[in-house]
């Protein structure tokens, strides 16, 4: 997969308007960046462009010449890498939620194969699926947040995606939510579901569905077709699990 020139330019323009220009100040007639923004660009130069530290061209030249030239010459993933790293340091963005919406709208407008969710680029999702994942990522339950974030990172890794473990992280996020809401620290998801069901009855089909999904992802429950035995675990499987588990977490949080 790749990105059209129009999509790359849109992402670059948002990078300028939402990150670069707001961080630029004029001192004695010269444009300068603040410390954290300068450090971010220096890191992008050494990590994404594999540039030598002693050959860093300076922020203006790097942004307008190096990145611009690379975008035009087909390094389509550069802006994806930069945006994902920026959202690891979202305090560098004046309005990160607004910026995330702008990035997502740019991808949709150019009909790309990607969407932007939780600060990562993944294959196309519906707006409802994006909202479900992003809502779950904002849960106050730290364990849920950690496991869903890990699931998303493993799913979105463009070099070494790990779909099996992304699926496992998604279901562990459900387990963390059930344990937290049931006030239980012991046992697995099935135990937590039983305790939660005793306190706040769940629809039997829904409870059984997640119990079965948990069995599929487990290595030690004797399930005949466990995920570890599957020859091919695909991106679609991992993405479905991320969305489904996020939706279940949101359901549990609002009951």
C-alpha atoms as a PDB file:
ATOM      1  CA  UNK A   1       0.000   0.000   0.000  1.00  0.00           C
ATOM      2  CA  UNK A   2       1.002   3.616  -0.407  1.00  0.00           C
ATOM      3  CA  UNK A   3      -0.350   7.141  -0.411  1.00  0.00           C
ATOM      4  CA  UNK A   4      -1.235   9.358  -3.328  1.00  0.00           C
ATOM      5  CA  UNK A   5       0.714  12.565  -3.772  1.00  0.00           C
ATOM      6  CA  UNK A   6      -2.396  14.516  -2.781  1.00  0.00           C
ATOM      7  CA  UNK A   7      -2.712  12.600   0.506  1.00  0.00           C
ATOM      8  CA  UNK A   8       0.982  13.118   1.299  1.00  0.00           C
ATOM      9  CA  UNK A   9       0.702  16.856   0.627  1.00  0.00           C
ATOM     10  CA  UNK A  10      -2.401  17.154   2.814  1.00  0.00           C
ATOM     11  CA  UNK A  11      -0.604  15.465   5.716  1.00  0.00           C
ATOM     12  CA  UNK A  12       2.421  17.708   5.211  1.00  0.00           C
ATOM     13  CA  UNK A  13       0.245  20.835   5.200  1.00  0.00           C
ATOM     14  CA  UNK A  14      -1.414  19.810   8.480  1.00  0.00           C
ATOM     15  CA  UNK A  15       2.060  19.160   9.903  1.00  0.00           C
ATOM     16  CA  UNK A  16       3.002  22.740   9.024  1.00  0.00           C
ATOM     17  CA  UNK A  17      -0.217  24.388  10.215  1.00  0.00           C
ATOM     18  CA  UNK A  18      -0.694  22.417  13.448  1.00  0.00           C
ATOM     19  CA  UNK A  19       2.871  21.735  14.581  1.00  0.00           C
ATOM     20  CA  UNK A  20       5.577  23.711  12.789  1.00  0.00           C
ATOM     21  CA  UNK A  21       4.091  27.186  12.420  1.00  0.00           C
ATOM     22  CA  UNK A  22       2.602  27.388  15.956  1.00  0.00           C
ATOM     23  CA  UNK A  23       6.019  26.472  17.401  1.00  0.00           C
ATOM     24  CA  UNK A  24       7.894  29.037  15.342  1.00  0.00           C
ATOM     25  CA  UNK A  25       8.807  32.430  16.788  1.00  0.00           C
ATOM     26  CA  UNK A  26      10.726  35.298  15.207  1.00  0.00           C
ATOM     27  CA  UNK A  27      13.832  36.429  17.085  1.00  0.00           C
ATOM     28  CA  UNK A  28      15.834  39.307  15.593  1.00  0.00           C
ATOM     29  CA  UNK A  29      14.329  38.687  12.199  1.00  0.00           C
ATOM     30  CA  UNK A  30      15.027  34.941  12.234  1.00  0.00           C
ATOM     31  CA  UNK A  31      12.504  32.131  12.635  1.00  0.00           C
ATOM     32  CA  UNK A  32      13.283  29.838  15.542  1.00  0.00           C
ATOM     33  CA  UNK A  33      11.654  26.813  17.142  1.00  0.00           C
ATOM     34  CA  UNK A  34      11.248  26.151  20.847  1.00  0.00           C
ATOM     35  CA  UNK A  35      13.408  23.471  22.489  1.00  0.00           C
ATOM     36  CA  UNK A  36      10.989  20.496  22.467  1.00  0.00           C
ATOM     37  CA  UNK A  37      10.007  21.105  18.824  1.00  0.00           C
ATOM     38  CA  UNK A  38      13.650  21.362  17.798  1.00  0.00           C
ATOM     39  CA  UNK A  39      14.427  18.125  19.629  1.00  0.00           C
ATOM     40  CA  UNK A  40      11.523  16.411  17.895  1.00  0.00           C
ATOM     41  CA  UNK A  41      12.721  17.422  14.425  1.00  0.00           C
ATOM     42  CA  UNK A  42      16.279  16.425  15.261  1.00  0.00           C
ATOM     43  CA  UNK A  43      14.969  13.006  16.308  1.00  0.00           C
ATOM     44  CA  UNK A  44      12.999  12.730  13.051  1.00  0.00           C
ATOM     45  CA  UNK A  45      16.181  13.526  11.115  1.00  0.00           C
ATOM     46  CA  UNK A  46      18.231  10.807  12.826  1.00  0.00           C
ATOM     47  CA  UNK A  47      15.518   8.139  13.175  1.00  0.00           C
ATOM     48  CA  UNK A  48      13.266   8.446  10.123  1.00  0.00           C
ATOM     49  CA  UNK A  49      15.727   9.879   7.613  1.00  0.00           C
ATOM     50  CA  UNK A  50      18.747   8.077   9.106  1.00  0.00           C
ATOM     51  CA  UNK A  51      20.708  11.317   8.875  1.00  0.00           C
ATOM     52  CA  UNK A  52      24.017  11.913  10.604  1.00  0.00           C
ATOM     53  CA  UNK A  53      23.765  14.104  13.673  1.00  0.00           C
ATOM     54  CA  UNK A  54      26.613  16.369  12.523  1.00  0.00           C
ATOM     55  CA  UNK A  55      24.867  16.859   9.177  1.00  0.00           C
ATOM     56  CA  UNK A  56      21.527  18.068  10.523  1.00  0.00           C
ATOM     57  CA  UNK A  57      20.576  20.856   8.088  1.00  0.00           C
ATOM     58  CA  UNK A  58      18.583  22.891  10.604  1.00  0.00           C
ATOM     59  CA  UNK A  59      14.842  22.887  11.147  1.00  0.00           C
ATOM     60  CA  UNK A  60      13.761  25.097   8.226  1.00  0.00           C
ATOM     61  CA  UNK A  61      15.808  23.284   5.609  1.00  0.00           C
ATOM     62  CA  UNK A  62      14.858  19.910   7.033  1.00  0.00           C
ATOM     63  CA  UNK A  63      11.146  20.658   6.951  1.00  0.00           C
ATOM     64  CA  UNK A  64      10.843  22.517   3.670  1.00  0.00           C
ATOM     65  CA  UNK A  65      13.548  20.878   1.585  1.00  0.00           C
ATOM     66  CA  UNK A  66      14.338  17.432   2.956  1.00  0.00           C
ATOM     67  CA  UNK A  67      10.833  16.313   3.959  1.00  0.00           C
ATOM     68  CA  UNK A  68       9.284  18.032   0.938  1.00  0.00           C
ATOM     69  CA  UNK A  69      11.733  16.371  -1.456  1.00  0.00           C
ATOM     70  CA  UNK A  70      11.226  12.957   0.124  1.00  0.00           C
ATOM     71  CA  UNK A  71       7.457  13.267  -0.121  1.00  0.00           C
ATOM     72  CA  UNK A  72       7.702  14.136  -3.797  1.00  0.00           C
ATOM     73  CA  UNK A  73      10.157  11.301  -4.496  1.00  0.00           C
ATOM     74  CA  UNK A  74       7.906   8.578  -3.140  1.00  0.00           C
ATOM     75  CA  UNK A  75       8.824   8.111   0.531  1.00  0.00           C
ATOM     76  CA  UNK A  76       5.090   7.843   1.203  1.00  0.00           C
ATOM     77  CA  UNK A  77       5.424   6.461   4.747  1.00  0.00           C
ATOM     78  CA  UNK A  78       7.543   9.364   6.058  1.00  0.00           C
ATOM     79  CA  UNK A  79       4.582  11.528   7.076  1.00  0.00           C
ATOM     80  CA  UNK A  80       2.891   8.526   8.677  1.00  0.00           C
ATOM     81  CA  UNK A  81       6.017   7.897  10.767  1.00  0.00           C
ATOM     82  CA  UNK A  82       6.256  11.551  11.747  1.00  0.00           C
ATOM     83  CA  UNK A  83       2.577  11.836  12.683  1.00  0.00           C
ATOM     84  CA  UNK A  84       2.665   8.689  14.812  1.00  0.00           C
ATOM     85  CA  UNK A  85       5.739   9.969  16.631  1.00  0.00           C
ATOM     86  CA  UNK A  86       4.134  13.381  17.132  1.00  0.00           C
ATOM     87  CA  UNK A  87       1.163  11.748  18.825  1.00  0.00           C
ATOM     88  CA  UNK A  88       3.584  10.000  21.171  1.00  0.00           C
ATOM     89  CA  UNK A  89       4.450  13.586  22.213  1.00  0.00           C
ATOM     90  CA  UNK A  90       1.039  15.145  21.766  1.00  0.00           C
ATOM     91  CA  UNK A  91       1.891  18.002  24.130  1.00  0.00           C
ATOM     92  CA  UNK A  92       3.813  19.463  21.173  1.00  0.00           C
ATOM     93  CA  UNK A  93       0.476  20.026  19.429  1.00  0.00           C
ATOM     94  CA  UNK A  94      -1.669  22.972  20.566  1.00  0.00           C
ATOM     95  CA  UNK A  95      -4.923  21.081  19.879  1.00  0.00           C
ATOM     96  CA  UNK A  96      -4.197  17.347  19.453  1.00  0.00           C
ATOM     97  CA  UNK A  97      -7.839  16.234  19.183  1.00  0.00           C
ATOM     98  CA  UNK A  98      -8.553  18.785  16.485  1.00  0.00           C
ATOM     99  CA  UNK A  99      -5.360  17.788  14.679  1.00  0.00           C
ATOM    100  CA  UNK A 100      -6.272  14.091  14.830  1.00  0.00           C
ATOM    101  CA  UNK A 101      -9.629  14.898  13.215  1.00  0.00           C
ATOM    102  CA  UNK A 102      -7.878  16.893  10.478  1.00  0.00           C
ATOM    103  CA  UNK A 103      -5.494  14.014   9.744  1.00  0.00           C
ATOM    104  CA  UNK A 104      -8.362  11.533   9.645  1.00  0.00           C
ATOM    105  CA  UNK A 105     -10.420  13.786   7.359  1.00  0.00           C
ATOM    106  CA  UNK A 106      -7.440  14.173   5.018  1.00  0.00           C
ATOM    107  CA  UNK A 107      -7.107  10.403   4.722  1.00  0.00           C
ATOM    108  CA  UNK A 108     -10.828  10.011   4.073  1.00  0.00           C
ATOM    109  CA  UNK A 109     -10.980  12.858   1.572  1.00  0.00           C
ATOM    110  CA  UNK A 110      -8.232  11.271  -0.521  1.00  0.00           C
ATOM    111  CA  UNK A 111      -9.860   7.843  -0.202  1.00  0.00           C
ATOM    112  CA  UNK A 112      -6.720   6.243   1.215  1.00  0.00           C
ATOM    113  CA  UNK A 113      -6.506   2.691   2.550  1.00  0.00           C
ATOM    114  CA  UNK A 114      -5.746   4.064   6.024  1.00  0.00           C
ATOM    115  CA  UNK A 115      -7.463   5.861   8.838  1.00  0.00           C
ATOM    116  CA  UNK A 116      -5.982   7.544  11.916  1.00  0.00           C
ATOM    117  CA  UNK A 117      -7.061   6.224  15.302  1.00  0.00           C
ATOM    118  CA  UNK A 118      -5.441   6.534  18.711  1.00  0.00           C
ATOM    119  CA  UNK A 119      -2.441   8.271  17.164  1.00  0.00           C
ATOM    120  CA  UNK A 120      -1.742   5.351  14.788  1.00  0.00           C
ATOM    121  CA  UNK A 121      -2.487   4.609  11.141  1.00  0.00           C
ATOM    122  CA  UNK A 122      -4.467   1.427  10.543  1.00  0.00           C
ATOM    123  CA  UNK A 123      -6.433   0.038   7.648  1.00  0.00           C
ATOM    124  CA  UNK A 124      -9.718   1.760   6.880  1.00  0.00           C
ATOM    125  CA  UNK A 125     -12.346   1.785   9.623  1.00  0.00           C
ATOM    126  CA  UNK A 126     -15.843   3.216   9.704  1.00  0.00           C
ATOM    127  CA  UNK A 127     -16.350   6.431  11.705  1.00  0.00           C
ATOM    128  CA  UNK A 128     -18.278   4.406  14.284  1.00  0.00           C
ATOM    129  CA  UNK A 129     -15.388   1.957  14.692  1.00  0.00           C
ATOM    130  CA  UNK A 130     -12.892   4.802  15.079  1.00  0.00           C
ATOM    131  CA  UNK A 131     -15.087   6.414  17.731  1.00  0.00           C
ATOM    132  CA  UNK A 132     -15.413   3.112  19.595  1.00  0.00           C
ATOM    133  CA  UNK A 133     -11.643   2.534  19.748  1.00  0.00           C
ATOM    134  CA  UNK A 134     -10.825   6.122  20.685  1.00  0.00           C
ATOM    135  CA  UNK A 135     -13.483   6.163  23.405  1.00  0.00           C
ATOM    136  CA  UNK A 136     -12.104   2.947  24.917  1.00  0.00           C
ATOM    137  CA  UNK A 137      -8.564   4.367  24.814  1.00  0.00           C
ATOM    138  CA  UNK A 138      -9.759   7.226  27.052  1.00  0.00           C
ATOM    139  CA  UNK A 139     -11.036   4.938  29.802  1.00  0.00           C
ATOM    140  CA  UNK A 140      -9.862   5.818  33.325  1.00  0.00           C
ATOM    141  CA  UNK A 141      -8.923   2.156  33.865  1.00  0.00           C
ATOM    142  CA  UNK A 142      -5.169   2.164  33.318  1.00  0.00           C
ATOM    143  CA  UNK A 143      -4.862  -1.557  32.555  1.00  0.00           C
ATOM    144  CA  UNK A 144      -7.459  -1.310  29.793  1.00  0.00           C
ATOM    145  CA  UNK A 145      -5.729   1.694  28.285  1.00  0.00           C
ATOM    146  CA  UNK A 146      -2.304   0.017  28.332  1.00  0.00           C
ATOM    147  CA  UNK A 147      -3.479  -3.204  26.682  1.00  0.00           C
ATOM    148  CA  UNK A 148      -5.582  -1.505  24.008  1.00  0.00           C
ATOM    149  CA  UNK A 149      -2.694   0.821  23.186  1.00  0.00           C
ATOM    150  CA  UNK A 150      -0.395  -2.174  22.870  1.00  0.00           C
ATOM    151  CA  UNK A 151      -2.934  -3.970  20.656  1.00  0.00           C
ATOM    152  CA  UNK A 152      -3.155  -0.918  18.406  1.00  0.00           C
ATOM    153  CA  UNK A 153       0.626  -0.570  18.148  1.00  0.00           C
ATOM    154  CA  UNK A 154       1.092  -4.237  17.241  1.00  0.00           C
ATOM    155  CA  UNK A 155      -1.651  -3.963  14.639  1.00  0.00           C
ATOM    156  CA  UNK A 156      -0.344  -0.756  13.059  1.00  0.00           C
ATOM    157  CA  UNK A 157       3.373  -1.633  12.920  1.00  0.00           C
ATOM    158  CA  UNK A 158       4.179  -1.313   9.211  1.00  0.00           C
ATOM    159  CA  UNK A 159       7.469  -3.229   9.409  1.00  0.00           C
ATOM    160  CA  UNK A 160       6.712  -6.054  11.851  1.00  0.00           C
ATOM    161  CA  UNK A 161       2.977  -6.291  12.594  1.00  0.00           C
ATOM    162  CA  UNK A 162       2.121  -8.839  15.277  1.00  0.00           C
ATOM    163  CA  UNK A 163      -1.502  -9.780  14.709  1.00  0.00           C
ATOM    164  CA  UNK A 164      -1.583 -12.722  17.138  1.00  0.00           C
ATOM    165  CA  UNK A 165      -0.387 -10.677  20.069  1.00  0.00           C
ATOM    166  CA  UNK A 166      -2.523  -7.712  19.041  1.00  0.00           C
ATOM    167  CA  UNK A 167      -5.555  -9.984  19.383  1.00  0.00           C
ATOM    168  CA  UNK A 168      -4.357 -11.202  22.781  1.00  0.00           C
ATOM    169  CA  UNK A 169      -3.812  -7.646  24.027  1.00  0.00           C
ATOM    170  CA  UNK A 170      -7.337  -6.694  22.934  1.00  0.00           C
ATOM    171  CA  UNK A 171      -8.969  -9.514  24.880  1.00  0.00           C
ATOM    172  CA  UNK A 172      -6.734  -8.870  27.908  1.00  0.00           C
ATOM    173  CA  UNK A 173      -8.074  -5.302  27.878  1.00  0.00           C
ATOM    174  CA  UNK A 174     -11.589  -6.752  28.258  1.00  0.00           C
ATOM    175  CA  UNK A 175     -10.336  -8.936  31.103  1.00  0.00           C
ATOM    176  CA  UNK A 176      -8.818  -5.887  32.812  1.00  0.00           C
ATOM    177  CA  UNK A 177     -12.123  -4.005  32.500  1.00  0.00           C
ATOM    178  CA  UNK A 178     -14.151  -6.917  33.891  1.00  0.00           C
ATOM    179  CA  UNK A 179     -11.790  -7.433  36.817  1.00  0.00           C
ATOM    180  CA  UNK A 180     -11.803  -3.734  37.663  1.00  0.00           C
ATOM    181  CA  UNK A 181     -15.595  -3.427  37.523  1.00  0.00           C
ATOM    182  CA  UNK A 182     -16.148  -6.691  39.420  1.00  0.00           C
ATOM    183  CA  UNK A 183     -13.594  -5.713  42.072  1.00  0.00           C
ATOM    184  CA  UNK A 184     -11.616  -8.891  41.411  1.00  0.00           C
ATOM    185  CA  UNK A 185      -7.876  -9.371  40.963  1.00  0.00           C
ATOM    186  CA  UNK A 186      -7.769 -13.146  40.715  1.00  0.00           C
ATOM    187  CA  UNK A 187      -8.756 -15.561  37.971  1.00  0.00           C
ATOM    188  CA  UNK A 188      -9.083 -15.143  34.218  1.00  0.00           C
ATOM    189  CA  UNK A 189     -11.671 -13.441  32.045  1.00  0.00           C
ATOM    190  CA  UNK A 190     -14.244 -16.198  32.562  1.00  0.00           C
ATOM    191  CA  UNK A 191     -14.010 -15.813  36.347  1.00  0.00           C
ATOM    192  CA  UNK A 192     -14.282 -12.031  36.037  1.00  0.00           C
ATOM    193  CA  UNK A 193     -17.251 -12.324  33.676  1.00  0.00           C
ATOM    194  CA  UNK A 194     -19.043 -14.621  36.136  1.00  0.00           C
ATOM    195  CA  UNK A 195     -18.456 -12.206  39.029  1.00  0.00           C
ATOM    196  CA  UNK A 196     -19.519  -9.230  36.951  1.00  0.00           C
ATOM    197  CA  UNK A 197     -22.589 -11.089  35.731  1.00  0.00           C
ATOM    198  CA  UNK A 198     -23.594 -11.816  39.333  1.00  0.00           C
ATOM    199  CA  UNK A 199     -23.429  -8.098  40.124  1.00  0.00           C
ATOM    200  CA  UNK A 200     -24.754  -6.704  36.852  1.00  0.00           C
ATOM    201  CA  UNK A 201     -26.341  -9.397  34.671  1.00  0.00           C
ATOM    202  CA  UNK A 202     -25.038  -9.545  31.111  1.00  0.00           C
ATOM    203  CA  UNK A 203     -26.920 -10.823  28.105  1.00  0.00           C
ATOM    204  CA  UNK A 204     -26.072 -14.574  27.982  1.00  0.00           C
ATOM    205  CA  UNK A 205     -25.159 -14.486  24.282  1.00  0.00           C
ATOM    206  CA  UNK A 206     -22.803 -11.548  24.813  1.00  0.00           C
ATOM    207  CA  UNK A 207     -21.176 -13.153  27.826  1.00  0.00           C
ATOM    208  CA  UNK A 208     -20.726 -16.437  25.989  1.00  0.00           C
ATOM    209  CA  UNK A 209     -19.338 -14.698  22.918  1.00  0.00           C
ATOM    210  CA  UNK A 210     -16.495 -13.097  24.859  1.00  0.00           C
ATOM    211  CA  UNK A 211     -15.873 -16.251  26.819  1.00  0.00           C
ATOM    212  CA  UNK A 212     -15.461 -18.091  23.512  1.00  0.00           C
ATOM    213  CA  UNK A 213     -13.194 -15.371  22.088  1.00  0.00           C
ATOM    214  CA  UNK A 214     -11.079 -15.610  25.223  1.00  0.00           C
ATOM    215  CA  UNK A 215     -10.778 -19.353  24.758  1.00  0.00           C
ATOM    216  CA  UNK A 216      -9.663 -18.827  21.157  1.00  0.00           C
ATOM    217  CA  UNK A 217      -6.880 -16.480  22.238  1.00  0.00           C
ATOM    218  CA  UNK A 218      -5.673 -18.622  25.155  1.00  0.00           C
ATOM    219  CA  UNK A 219      -2.703 -20.958  24.967  1.00  0.00           C
ATOM    220  CA  UNK A 220      -3.651 -23.215  27.844  1.00  0.00           C
ATOM    221  CA  UNK A 221      -7.400 -23.866  27.799  1.00  0.00           C
ATOM    222  CA  UNK A 222      -7.450 -26.850  25.456  1.00  0.00           C
ATOM    223  CA  UNK A 223      -9.498 -25.096  22.803  1.00  0.00           C
ATOM    224  CA  UNK A 224      -9.310 -27.168  19.645  1.00  0.00           C
ATOM    225  CA  UNK A 225      -8.828 -24.242  17.298  1.00  0.00           C
ATOM    226  CA  UNK A 226      -6.852 -21.907  19.508  1.00  0.00           C
ATOM    227  CA  UNK A 227      -5.193 -18.893  17.922  1.00  0.00           C
ATOM    228  CA  UNK A 228      -1.731 -20.383  18.467  1.00  0.00           C
ATOM    229  CA  UNK A 229      -2.667 -23.250  16.111  1.00  0.00           C
ATOM    230  CA  UNK A 230      -4.083 -21.078  13.347  1.00  0.00           C
ATOM    231  CA  UNK A 231      -1.871 -21.073  10.258  1.00  0.00           C
ATOM    232  CA  UNK A 232      -2.765 -17.534   9.278  1.00  0.00           C
ATOM    233  CA  UNK A 233      -3.860 -14.803  11.637  1.00  0.00           C
ATOM    234  CA  UNK A 234      -4.648 -11.840   9.440  1.00  0.00           C
ATOM    235  CA  UNK A 235      -4.796  -8.108   9.891  1.00  0.00           C
ATOM    236  CA  UNK A 236      -8.579  -8.240   9.538  1.00  0.00           C
ATOM    237  CA  UNK A 237      -8.782 -10.626  12.503  1.00  0.00           C
ATOM    238  CA  UNK A 238      -6.725  -8.328  14.717  1.00  0.00           C
ATOM    239  CA  UNK A 239      -8.615  -5.236  13.615  1.00  0.00           C
ATOM    240  CA  UNK A 240     -11.966  -6.906  14.272  1.00  0.00           C
ATOM    241  CA  UNK A 241     -10.831  -7.895  17.771  1.00  0.00           C
ATOM    242  CA  UNK A 242      -9.592  -4.387  18.549  1.00  0.00           C
ATOM    243  CA  UNK A 243     -12.936  -2.884  17.528  1.00  0.00           C
ATOM    244  CA  UNK A 244     -15.060  -5.591  19.190  1.00  0.00           C
ATOM    245  CA  UNK A 245     -13.138  -5.484  22.467  1.00  0.00           C
ATOM    246  CA  UNK A 246     -13.195  -1.675  22.490  1.00  0.00           C
ATOM    247  CA  UNK A 247     -16.962  -1.727  21.978  1.00  0.00           C
ATOM    248  CA  UNK A 248     -17.412  -4.231  24.817  1.00  0.00           C
ATOM    249  CA  UNK A 249     -15.265  -2.137  27.149  1.00  0.00           C
ATOM    250  CA  UNK A 250     -17.378   0.919  26.320  1.00  0.00           C
ATOM    251  CA  UNK A 251     -20.554  -1.090  26.911  1.00  0.00           C
ATOM    252  CA  UNK A 252     -19.299  -2.237  30.317  1.00  0.00           C
ATOM    253  CA  UNK A 253     -18.316   1.310  31.301  1.00  0.00           C
ATOM    254  CA  UNK A 254     -21.767   2.713  30.577  1.00  0.00           C
ATOM    255  CA  UNK A 255     -23.924  -0.004  32.177  1.00  0.00           C
END
